[in-house]
């Protein structure tokens, strides 16, 4: 089992910044990827950013490239999402997710799909006012 605890959400004005944190505990030695998704009211959950654990390759959705930065702290089993230049359309509940190692490597198409992740945090709300 893996537990994910998120923190760092809140209310910020357009153009502002927030940093989200996600701490993992439990069976983290089997991590394949760890990242962030978000879900706005009335919309489906969408990919934001993730890191492939074995290669440290980091991927971003086009909508956040150049504004969001994902980083990891191996010693703390924690990933961070630094969000700069926030826009009202970034308003959503942000979820941390972790995928376990499987029978084959995860490719980009896997890493961006919510269904490929095995564990989820409780979600942290981010509201960007205009």
Protein backbone atom coordinates (compact mmCIF):
# COMPACT_ATOMS: atom_id res chain seq x y z
CA UNK A 1 0.00 0.00 0.00
CA UNK A 2 1.00 3.58 -0.65
CA UNK A 3 -0.28 6.72 1.02
CA UNK A 4 -0.09 10.12 -0.64
CA UNK A 5 -0.54 13.33 1.31
CA UNK A 6 -0.83 16.61 -0.58
CA UNK A 7 -0.51 20.15 0.66
CA UNK A 8 -0.05 23.65 -0.65
CA UNK A 9 -3.28 24.53 -2.40
CA UNK A 10 -5.16 27.75 -1.80
CA UNK A 11 -6.47 30.99 -3.24
CA UNK A 12 -4.21 33.20 -5.34
CA UNK A 13 -4.65 36.07 -7.73
CA UNK A 14 -4.03 35.72 -11.44
CA UNK A 15 -0.30 35.89 -12.11
CA UNK A 16 0.56 34.57 -8.68
CA UNK A 17 2.35 31.43 -7.58
CA UNK A 18 1.73 28.38 -5.44
CA UNK A 19 3.77 25.28 -4.61
CA UNK A 20 2.09 21.95 -4.11
CA UNK A 21 3.74 19.09 -2.24
CA UNK A 22 2.98 15.38 -2.26
CA UNK A 23 4.62 13.07 0.25
CA UNK A 24 4.50 9.34 -0.38
CA UNK A 25 4.82 6.63 2.24
CA UNK A 26 4.53 2.87 2.26
CA UNK A 27 5.52 0.71 -0.71
CA UNK A 28 7.31 3.48 -2.55
CA UNK A 29 10.22 1.30 -3.70
CA UNK A 30 7.99 0.05 -6.52
CA UNK A 31 7.29 3.51 -7.95
CA UNK A 32 7.23 3.81 -11.73
CA UNK A 33 5.96 7.37 -11.92
CA UNK A 34 4.61 10.09 -9.68
CA UNK A 35 2.82 13.19 -10.78
CA UNK A 36 -0.12 15.54 -10.79
CA UNK A 37 -3.55 15.64 -12.36
CA UNK A 38 -6.30 18.19 -11.93
CA UNK A 39 -10.05 18.30 -12.19
CA UNK A 40 -12.07 21.46 -12.67
CA UNK A 41 -15.80 21.57 -11.88
CA UNK A 42 -17.81 19.81 -14.55
CA UNK A 43 -14.70 18.58 -16.36
CA UNK A 44 -12.78 15.34 -16.58
CA UNK A 45 -9.57 14.79 -14.69
CA UNK A 46 -6.63 15.88 -16.81
CA UNK A 47 -2.89 15.33 -16.80
CA UNK A 48 -0.67 18.16 -15.54
CA UNK A 49 2.85 16.80 -15.00
CA UNK A 50 4.67 13.65 -14.01
CA UNK A 51 8.13 12.23 -13.46
CA UNK A 52 9.22 8.79 -14.62
CA UNK A 53 11.04 7.47 -11.60
CA UNK A 54 13.74 5.38 -13.27
CA UNK A 55 14.94 8.03 -15.71
CA UNK A 56 13.88 11.22 -13.90
CA UNK A 57 12.24 12.30 -17.15
CA UNK A 58 9.62 14.96 -16.49
CA UNK A 59 6.61 15.61 -18.68
CA UNK A 60 4.13 18.48 -18.79
CA UNK A 61 0.78 19.16 -20.34
CA UNK A 62 1.01 21.81 -23.05
CA UNK A 63 -1.27 24.08 -21.05
CA UNK A 64 1.26 24.38 -18.19
CA UNK A 65 4.61 24.19 -20.01
CA UNK A 66 6.85 27.09 -19.12
CA UNK A 67 4.75 27.97 -16.06
CA UNK A 68 4.79 24.84 -13.88
CA UNK A 69 7.86 22.96 -12.68
CA UNK A 70 7.85 19.50 -11.14
CA UNK A 71 10.70 18.45 -8.88
CA UNK A 72 11.40 15.52 -6.58
CA UNK A 73 13.18 14.91 -3.30
CA UNK A 74 14.16 11.27 -3.16
CA UNK A 75 15.16 11.37 0.49
CA UNK A 76 11.69 12.55 1.44
CA UNK A 77 9.76 10.56 -1.20
CA UNK A 78 8.16 13.85 -2.12
CA UNK A 79 7.32 15.58 -5.37
CA UNK A 80 6.63 19.28 -5.71
CA UNK A 81 4.74 21.28 -8.29
CA UNK A 82 5.82 24.89 -8.48
CA UNK A 83 3.07 26.81 -10.26
CA UNK A 84 3.91 30.28 -11.55
CA UNK A 85 1.97 32.77 -13.67
CA UNK A 86 -1.26 31.17 -12.58
CA UNK A 87 -4.38 31.81 -14.63
CA UNK A 88 -8.07 31.50 -13.73
CA UNK A 89 -8.26 28.44 -15.98
CA UNK A 90 -5.80 26.68 -13.66
CA UNK A 91 -8.52 26.61 -11.02
CA UNK A 92 -9.15 22.98 -10.10
CA UNK A 93 -8.64 20.33 -7.48
CA UNK A 94 -5.11 19.02 -7.92
CA UNK A 95 -4.44 15.35 -7.25
CA UNK A 96 -1.14 13.65 -6.67
CA UNK A 97 -0.87 10.20 -8.22
CA UNK A 98 1.58 7.32 -8.12
CA UNK A 99 1.99 4.45 -10.53
CA UNK A 100 3.61 1.19 -9.51
CA UNK A 101 6.06 -0.78 -11.59
CA UNK A 102 4.33 -3.19 -13.94
CA UNK A 103 5.23 -5.94 -16.39
CA UNK A 104 6.40 -3.42 -19.01
CA UNK A 105 7.88 0.08 -18.96
CA UNK A 106 5.52 3.05 -18.95
CA UNK A 107 5.60 5.11 -22.11
CA UNK A 108 4.48 8.70 -22.57
CA UNK A 109 0.96 7.66 -23.51
CA UNK A 110 0.73 5.72 -20.26
CA UNK A 111 2.19 8.46 -18.11
CA UNK A 112 -0.46 10.98 -19.12
CA UNK A 113 -3.44 8.69 -18.49
CA UNK A 114 -5.12 8.75 -15.08
CA UNK A 115 -6.12 5.10 -15.42
CA UNK A 116 -2.47 4.04 -15.34
CA UNK A 117 -1.94 5.33 -11.80
CA UNK A 118 -2.56 3.10 -8.83
CA UNK A 119 -2.73 5.48 -5.89
CA UNK A 120 -4.21 8.94 -5.45
CA UNK A 121 -4.06 11.66 -2.88
CA UNK A 122 -7.11 13.32 -1.40
CA UNK A 123 -6.77 16.37 -3.63
CA UNK A 124 -5.91 19.95 -2.81
CA UNK A 125 -7.96 22.84 -4.23
CA UNK A 126 -6.36 25.66 -6.17
CA UNK A 127 -8.41 28.75 -6.95
CA UNK A 128 -7.05 31.52 -9.15
CA UNK A 129 -9.04 34.73 -9.10
CA UNK A 130 -9.02 37.16 -12.00
